[in-house]
Amino acid sequence: MTPSLRAAVIQEWRGLPERPPSRDRWQPTSQLLPALMQKLGLKERLRESEVIDAWSSIVGEFIAAHSAPVALRDGILYVRVLQPALHYELEQISKMEILRKLKQRFGGKTIRDVRFRVG
């Protein structure tokens, strides 16, 4: 017989008042999941996958075919570019437009800057 069951039987036998039922600790998953993801460090990884999936719709098919976002760390999106000429185009001409679209879609706290690397 378990100690808690034994104590309940003795209380009933003695005629003592019942203990109030324990509080229900049930919570919906919509509340638990964000906190769990934050504890495990997965929230930023989820956001990173959303940015990677949206890359082609933000920059267009041609640029998406010749570049790929590699990582999102501390608000900086790192993008690998295949050709130096495209790197120049993105860094000097299109960077501000791409950054504006990313901030509009994901918010300024998620993406603060974009850095392009040839490789």
N, C-alpha and C. Protein backbone atom coordinates (compact mmCIF):
# COMPACT_ATOMS: atom_id res chain seq x y z
N MET A 1 0.85 -1.17 0.00
CA MET A 1 0.00 0.00 0.00
C MET A 1 0.90 1.24 0.00
N THR A 2 0.59 2.17 -0.88
CA THR A 2 1.41 3.38 -0.97
C THR A 2 1.13 4.29 0.22
N PRO A 3 2.12 5.10 0.60
CA PRO A 3 1.94 5.98 1.77
C PRO A 3 0.77 6.95 1.63
N SER A 4 0.57 7.49 0.43
CA SER A 4 -0.54 8.43 0.26
C SER A 4 -1.90 7.74 0.37
N LEU A 5 -1.99 6.52 -0.14
CA LEU A 5 -3.24 5.76 -0.04
C LEU A 5 -3.49 5.38 1.41
N ARG A 6 -2.43 4.97 2.10
CA ARG A 6 -2.53 4.61 3.52
C ARG A 6 -3.02 5.80 4.34
N ALA A 7 -2.45 6.98 4.08
CA ALA A 7 -2.85 8.17 4.82
C ALA A 7 -4.32 8.51 4.53
N ALA A 8 -4.76 8.34 3.29
CA ALA A 8 -6.15 8.63 2.94
C ALA A 8 -7.10 7.67 3.65
N VAL A 9 -6.73 6.40 3.74
CA VAL A 9 -7.57 5.39 4.40
C VAL A 9 -7.66 5.70 5.90
N ILE A 10 -6.54 6.05 6.52
CA ILE A 10 -6.54 6.36 7.96
C ILE A 10 -7.37 7.61 8.23
N GLN A 11 -7.25 8.62 7.37
CA GLN A 11 -8.06 9.84 7.54
C GLN A 11 -9.55 9.52 7.46
N GLU A 12 -9.91 8.69 6.50
CA GLU A 12 -11.32 8.34 6.34
C GLU A 12 -11.80 7.55 7.55
N TRP A 13 -11.01 6.62 8.05
CA TRP A 13 -11.37 5.79 9.19
C TRP A 13 -11.55 6.63 10.45
N ARG A 14 -10.66 7.64 10.62
CA ARG A 14 -10.74 8.51 11.80
C ARG A 14 -11.87 9.53 11.68
N GLY A 15 -12.38 9.74 10.46
CA GLY A 15 -13.44 10.70 10.27
C GLY A 15 -12.93 12.12 10.14
N LEU A 16 -11.68 12.25 9.78
CA LEU A 16 -11.10 13.58 9.58
C LEU A 16 -11.62 14.18 8.28
N PRO A 17 -11.64 15.50 8.23
CA PRO A 17 -12.11 16.12 6.97
C PRO A 17 -11.16 15.78 5.83
N GLU A 18 -11.74 15.68 4.67
CA GLU A 18 -10.94 15.35 3.49
C GLU A 18 -10.05 16.53 3.12
N ARG A 19 -8.89 16.19 2.60
CA ARG A 19 -8.01 17.25 2.09
C ARG A 19 -8.63 17.82 0.84
N PRO A 20 -8.48 19.12 0.65
CA PRO A 20 -9.02 19.69 -0.60
C PRO A 20 -8.29 19.07 -1.79
N PRO A 21 -9.00 18.85 -2.85
CA PRO A 21 -8.34 18.25 -4.02
C PRO A 21 -7.22 19.16 -4.53
N SER A 22 -6.20 18.52 -5.02
CA SER A 22 -5.06 19.30 -5.52
C SER A 22 -5.49 20.13 -6.73
N ARG A 23 -4.85 21.27 -6.85
CA ARG A 23 -5.17 22.19 -7.93
C ARG A 23 -4.83 21.57 -9.29
N ASP A 24 -5.73 21.73 -10.22
CA ASP A 24 -5.49 21.20 -11.56
C ASP A 24 -4.44 22.07 -12.25
N ARG A 25 -3.36 21.47 -12.69
CA ARG A 25 -2.27 22.21 -13.29
C ARG A 25 -2.30 22.13 -14.81
N TRP A 26 -3.43 21.81 -15.37
CA TRP A 26 -3.56 21.69 -16.81
C TRP A 26 -3.43 23.05 -17.46
N GLN A 27 -2.66 23.10 -18.56
CA GLN A 27 -2.52 24.33 -19.34
C GLN A 27 -2.61 23.97 -20.81
N PRO A 28 -3.19 24.85 -21.62
CA PRO A 28 -3.25 24.55 -23.06
C PRO A 28 -1.85 24.60 -23.67
N THR A 29 -1.66 23.82 -24.70
CA THR A 29 -0.35 23.77 -25.35
C THR A 29 0.04 25.10 -25.96
N SER A 30 -0.93 25.93 -26.29
CA SER A 30 -0.60 27.24 -26.86
C SER A 30 0.14 28.12 -25.85
N GLN A 31 -0.01 27.84 -24.57
CA GLN A 31 0.73 28.56 -23.54
C GLN A 31 2.05 27.87 -23.22
N LEU A 32 2.07 26.56 -23.24
CA LEU A 32 3.27 25.81 -22.86
C LEU A 32 4.33 25.80 -23.94
N LEU A 33 3.94 25.67 -25.19
CA LEU A 33 4.89 25.51 -26.27
C LEU A 33 5.85 26.68 -26.44
N PRO A 34 5.39 27.93 -26.46
CA PRO A 34 6.36 29.03 -26.60
C PRO A 34 7.38 29.08 -25.46
N ALA A 35 6.93 28.82 -24.23
CA ALA A 35 7.86 28.84 -23.09
C ALA A 35 8.86 27.70 -23.20
N LEU A 36 8.41 26.53 -23.62
CA LEU A 36 9.30 25.39 -23.79
C LEU A 36 10.32 25.65 -24.89
N MET A 37 9.86 26.21 -26.00
CA MET A 37 10.78 26.51 -27.11
C MET A 37 11.82 27.54 -26.68
N GLN A 38 11.42 28.50 -25.88
CA GLN A 38 12.35 29.52 -25.39
C GLN A 38 13.40 28.88 -24.49
N LYS A 39 12.97 27.98 -23.60
CA LYS A 39 13.91 27.30 -22.70
C LYS A 39 14.91 26.45 -23.46
N LEU A 40 14.45 25.80 -24.50
CA LEU A 40 15.32 24.92 -25.29
C LEU A 40 16.12 25.66 -26.36
N GLY A 41 15.83 26.94 -26.53
CA GLY A 41 16.54 27.72 -27.53
C GLY A 41 16.06 27.45 -28.95
N LEU A 42 14.86 26.97 -29.08
CA LEU A 42 14.34 26.61 -30.40
C LEU A 42 13.54 27.73 -31.06
N LYS A 43 13.21 28.75 -30.31
CA LYS A 43 12.38 29.81 -30.88
C LYS A 43 13.12 30.52 -32.01
N GLU A 44 14.40 30.81 -31.80
CA GLU A 44 15.17 31.47 -32.84
C GLU A 44 15.38 30.53 -34.04
N ARG A 45 15.52 29.24 -33.78
CA ARG A 45 15.67 28.27 -34.87
C ARG A 45 14.40 28.19 -35.71
N LEU A 46 13.26 28.27 -35.06
CA LEU A 46 11.99 28.26 -35.79
C LEU A 46 11.88 29.50 -36.66
N ARG A 47 12.24 30.64 -36.11
CA ARG A 47 12.20 31.89 -36.86
C ARG A 47 13.18 31.82 -38.03
N GLU A 48 14.34 31.22 -37.81
CA GLU A 48 15.33 31.06 -38.88
C GLU A 48 14.77 30.23 -40.02
N SER A 49 14.08 29.16 -39.72
CA SER A 49 13.51 28.33 -40.79
C SER A 49 12.40 29.07 -41.54
N GLU A 50 11.65 29.93 -40.84
CA GLU A 50 10.63 30.74 -41.51
C GLU A 50 11.28 31.72 -42.49
N VAL A 51 12.39 32.33 -42.09
CA VAL A 51 13.08 33.28 -42.96
C VAL A 51 13.65 32.55 -44.18
N ILE A 52 14.25 31.39 -43.95
CA ILE A 52 14.83 30.62 -45.06
C ILE A 52 13.74 30.21 -46.05
N ASP A 53 12.59 29.80 -45.54
CA ASP A 53 11.49 29.41 -46.43
C ASP A 53 10.95 30.58 -47.23
N ALA A 54 10.98 31.78 -46.66
CA ALA A 54 10.42 32.96 -47.32
C ALA A 54 11.43 33.68 -48.21
N TRP A 55 12.68 33.25 -48.22
CA TRP A 55 13.74 33.95 -48.94
C TRP A 55 13.41 34.17 -50.42
N SER A 56 12.98 33.13 -51.12
CA SER A 56 12.74 33.25 -52.56
C SER A 56 11.58 34.20 -52.86
N SER A 57 10.57 34.23 -52.01
CA SER A 57 9.46 35.15 -52.25
C SER A 57 9.85 36.60 -51.96
N ILE A 58 10.84 36.81 -51.14
CA ILE A 58 11.27 38.17 -50.80
C ILE A 58 12.22 38.73 -51.85
N VAL A 59 13.19 37.93 -52.29
CA VAL A 59 14.22 38.45 -53.20
C VAL A 59 13.95 38.14 -54.66
N GLY A 60 13.05 37.23 -54.96
CA GLY A 60 12.78 36.86 -56.35
C GLY A 60 13.50 35.58 -56.73
N GLU A 61 13.07 34.99 -57.82
CA GLU A 61 13.57 33.68 -58.24
C GLU A 61 15.05 33.71 -58.64
N PHE A 62 15.46 34.72 -59.40
CA PHE A 62 16.84 34.75 -59.88
C PHE A 62 17.84 34.85 -58.73
N ILE A 63 17.62 35.79 -57.84
CA ILE A 63 18.54 35.94 -56.71
C ILE A 63 18.47 34.72 -55.80
N ALA A 64 17.29 34.19 -55.58
CA ALA A 64 17.14 32.99 -54.74
C ALA A 64 17.86 31.79 -55.34
N ALA A 65 17.92 31.72 -56.66
CA ALA A 65 18.61 30.60 -57.31
C ALA A 65 20.13 30.70 -57.14
N HIS A 66 20.64 31.90 -56.89
CA HIS A 66 22.09 32.10 -56.79
C HIS A 66 22.54 32.50 -55.39
N SER A 67 21.65 32.43 -54.42
CA SER A 67 22.00 32.75 -53.05
C SER A 67 21.13 31.92 -52.10
N ALA A 68 21.60 31.82 -50.86
CA ALA A 68 20.82 31.07 -49.87
C ALA A 68 21.13 31.60 -48.48
N PRO A 69 20.10 31.84 -47.69
CA PRO A 69 20.35 32.22 -46.30
C PRO A 69 20.93 31.04 -45.54
N VAL A 70 21.96 31.30 -44.78
CA VAL A 70 22.66 30.22 -44.07
C VAL A 70 22.26 30.18 -42.60
N ALA A 71 22.20 31.34 -41.96
CA ALA A 71 21.90 31.36 -40.53
C ALA A 71 21.31 32.71 -40.13
N LEU A 72 20.59 32.69 -39.03
CA LEU A 72 20.06 33.90 -38.41
C LEU A 72 20.54 33.90 -36.97
N ARG A 73 21.50 34.77 -36.68
CA ARG A 73 22.09 34.82 -35.34
C ARG A 73 22.05 36.24 -34.81
N ASP A 74 21.45 36.42 -33.66
CA ASP A 74 21.38 37.72 -32.99
C ASP A 74 20.84 38.82 -33.89
N GLY A 75 19.85 38.50 -34.69
CA GLY A 75 19.22 39.49 -35.56
C GLY A 75 19.94 39.76 -36.86
N ILE A 76 21.00 39.02 -37.14
CA ILE A 76 21.75 39.20 -38.38
C ILE A 76 21.54 37.97 -39.26
N LEU A 77 21.04 38.20 -40.47
CA LEU A 77 20.83 37.12 -41.43
C LEU A 77 22.06 37.00 -42.30
N TYR A 78 22.69 35.84 -42.28
CA TYR A 78 23.87 35.57 -43.10
C TYR A 78 23.42 34.84 -44.36
N VAL A 79 23.83 35.39 -45.51
CA VAL A 79 23.40 34.85 -46.80
C VAL A 79 24.65 34.49 -47.61
N ARG A 80 24.66 33.26 -48.15
CA ARG A 80 25.74 32.81 -49.02
C ARG A 80 25.37 33.13 -50.46
N VAL A 81 26.31 33.77 -51.17
CA VAL A 81 26.10 34.17 -52.55
C VAL A 81 27.11 33.44 -53.42
N LEU A 82 26.69 32.95 -54.58
CA LEU A 82 27.56 32.12 -55.42
C LEU A 82 28.55 32.92 -56.25
N GLN A 83 28.20 34.13 -56.65
CA GLN A 83 29.06 34.87 -57.57
C GLN A 83 29.45 36.24 -56.99
N PRO A 84 30.70 36.66 -57.20
CA PRO A 84 31.12 37.97 -56.70
C PRO A 84 30.32 39.13 -57.29
N ALA A 85 29.93 39.03 -58.54
CA ALA A 85 29.16 40.11 -59.16
C ALA A 85 27.80 40.26 -58.48
N LEU A 86 27.17 39.14 -58.15
CA LEU A 86 25.90 39.19 -57.46
C LEU A 86 26.09 39.70 -56.03
N HIS A 87 27.20 39.34 -55.42
CA HIS A 87 27.52 39.84 -54.09
C HIS A 87 27.58 41.37 -54.11
N TYR A 88 28.26 41.92 -55.09
CA TYR A 88 28.35 43.37 -55.22
C TYR A 88 26.96 43.98 -55.41
N GLU A 89 26.19 43.40 -56.28
CA GLU A 89 24.83 43.89 -56.54
C GLU A 89 23.99 43.90 -55.26
N LEU A 90 24.04 42.81 -54.53
CA LEU A 90 23.23 42.71 -53.31
C LEU A 90 23.74 43.66 -52.22
N GLU A 91 25.04 43.70 -52.03
CA GLU A 91 25.63 44.50 -50.95
C GLU A 91 25.48 46.00 -51.21
N GLN A 92 25.73 46.43 -52.42
CA GLN A 92 25.75 47.86 -52.71
C GLN A 92 24.41 48.44 -53.15
N ILE A 93 23.61 47.65 -53.84
CA ILE A 93 22.40 48.21 -54.45
C ILE A 93 21.11 47.70 -53.78
N SER A 94 21.00 46.41 -53.58
CA SER A 94 19.72 45.83 -53.16
C SER A 94 19.59 45.58 -51.67
N LYS A 95 20.63 45.77 -50.91
CA LYS A 95 20.62 45.41 -49.49
C LYS A 95 19.51 46.11 -48.71
N MET A 96 19.38 47.40 -48.88
CA MET A 96 18.39 48.15 -48.12
C MET A 96 16.96 47.73 -48.46
N GLU A 97 16.71 47.44 -49.72
CA GLU A 97 15.38 47.00 -50.15
C GLU A 97 15.06 45.62 -49.57
N ILE A 98 16.04 44.72 -49.62
CA ILE A 98 15.84 43.37 -49.06
C ILE A 98 15.62 43.46 -47.56
N LEU A 99 16.42 44.27 -46.88
CA LEU A 99 16.29 44.43 -45.44
C LEU A 99 14.93 45.04 -45.08
N ARG A 100 14.46 45.98 -45.85
CA ARG A 100 13.14 46.57 -45.61
C ARG A 100 12.04 45.52 -45.73
N LYS A 101 12.12 44.68 -46.77
CA LYS A 101 11.11 43.64 -46.95
C LYS A 101 11.16 42.61 -45.82
N LEU A 102 12.36 42.24 -45.40
CA LEU A 102 12.50 41.28 -44.30
C LEU A 102 11.94 41.85 -43.00
N LYS A 103 12.24 43.11 -42.72
CA LYS A 103 11.73 43.74 -41.50
C LYS A 103 10.22 43.88 -41.55
N GLN A 104 9.70 44.17 -42.73
CA GLN A 104 8.26 44.31 -42.88
C GLN A 104 7.57 42.98 -42.62
N ARG A 105 8.17 41.89 -43.07
CA ARG A 105 7.55 40.58 -42.93
C ARG A 105 7.77 39.96 -41.56
N PHE A 106 8.98 40.11 -40.99
CA PHE A 106 9.32 39.42 -39.74
C PHE A 106 9.52 40.34 -38.54
N GLY A 107 9.55 41.64 -38.76
CA GLY A 107 9.72 42.57 -37.65
C GLY A 107 11.17 42.98 -37.47
N GLY A 108 11.35 44.16 -36.95
CA GLY A 108 12.69 44.72 -36.77
C GLY A 108 13.49 44.04 -35.69
N LYS A 109 12.83 43.41 -34.72
CA LYS A 109 13.56 42.71 -33.66
C LYS A 109 14.14 41.40 -34.15
N THR A 110 13.48 40.77 -35.11
CA THR A 110 13.96 39.49 -35.62
C THR A 110 15.16 39.68 -36.53
N ILE A 111 15.09 40.62 -37.45
CA ILE A 111 16.18 40.84 -38.41
C ILE A 111 16.59 42.31 -38.35
N ARG A 112 17.82 42.54 -37.93
CA ARG A 112 18.36 43.90 -37.87
C ARG A 112 19.28 44.21 -39.04
N ASP A 113 19.92 43.16 -39.59
CA ASP A 113 20.89 43.38 -40.66
C ASP A 113 21.00 42.14 -41.51
N VAL A 114 21.51 42.33 -42.75
CA VAL A 114 21.77 41.22 -43.66
C VAL A 114 23.23 41.31 -44.07
N ARG A 115 23.93 40.19 -44.01
CA ARG A 115 25.32 40.16 -44.43
C ARG A 115 25.49 39.09 -45.50
N PHE A 116 26.11 39.51 -46.59
CA PHE A 116 26.31 38.62 -47.72
C PHE A 116 27.75 38.15 -47.75
N ARG A 117 27.95 36.87 -48.06
CA ARG A 117 29.27 36.28 -48.16
C ARG A 117 29.36 35.46 -49.43
N VAL A 118 30.48 35.61 -50.14
CA VAL A 118 30.69 34.81 -51.34
C VAL A 118 31.19 33.44 -50.90
N GLY A 119 30.62 32.41 -51.50
CA GLY A 119 31.12 31.08 -51.13
C GLY A 119 30.26 29.96 -51.52
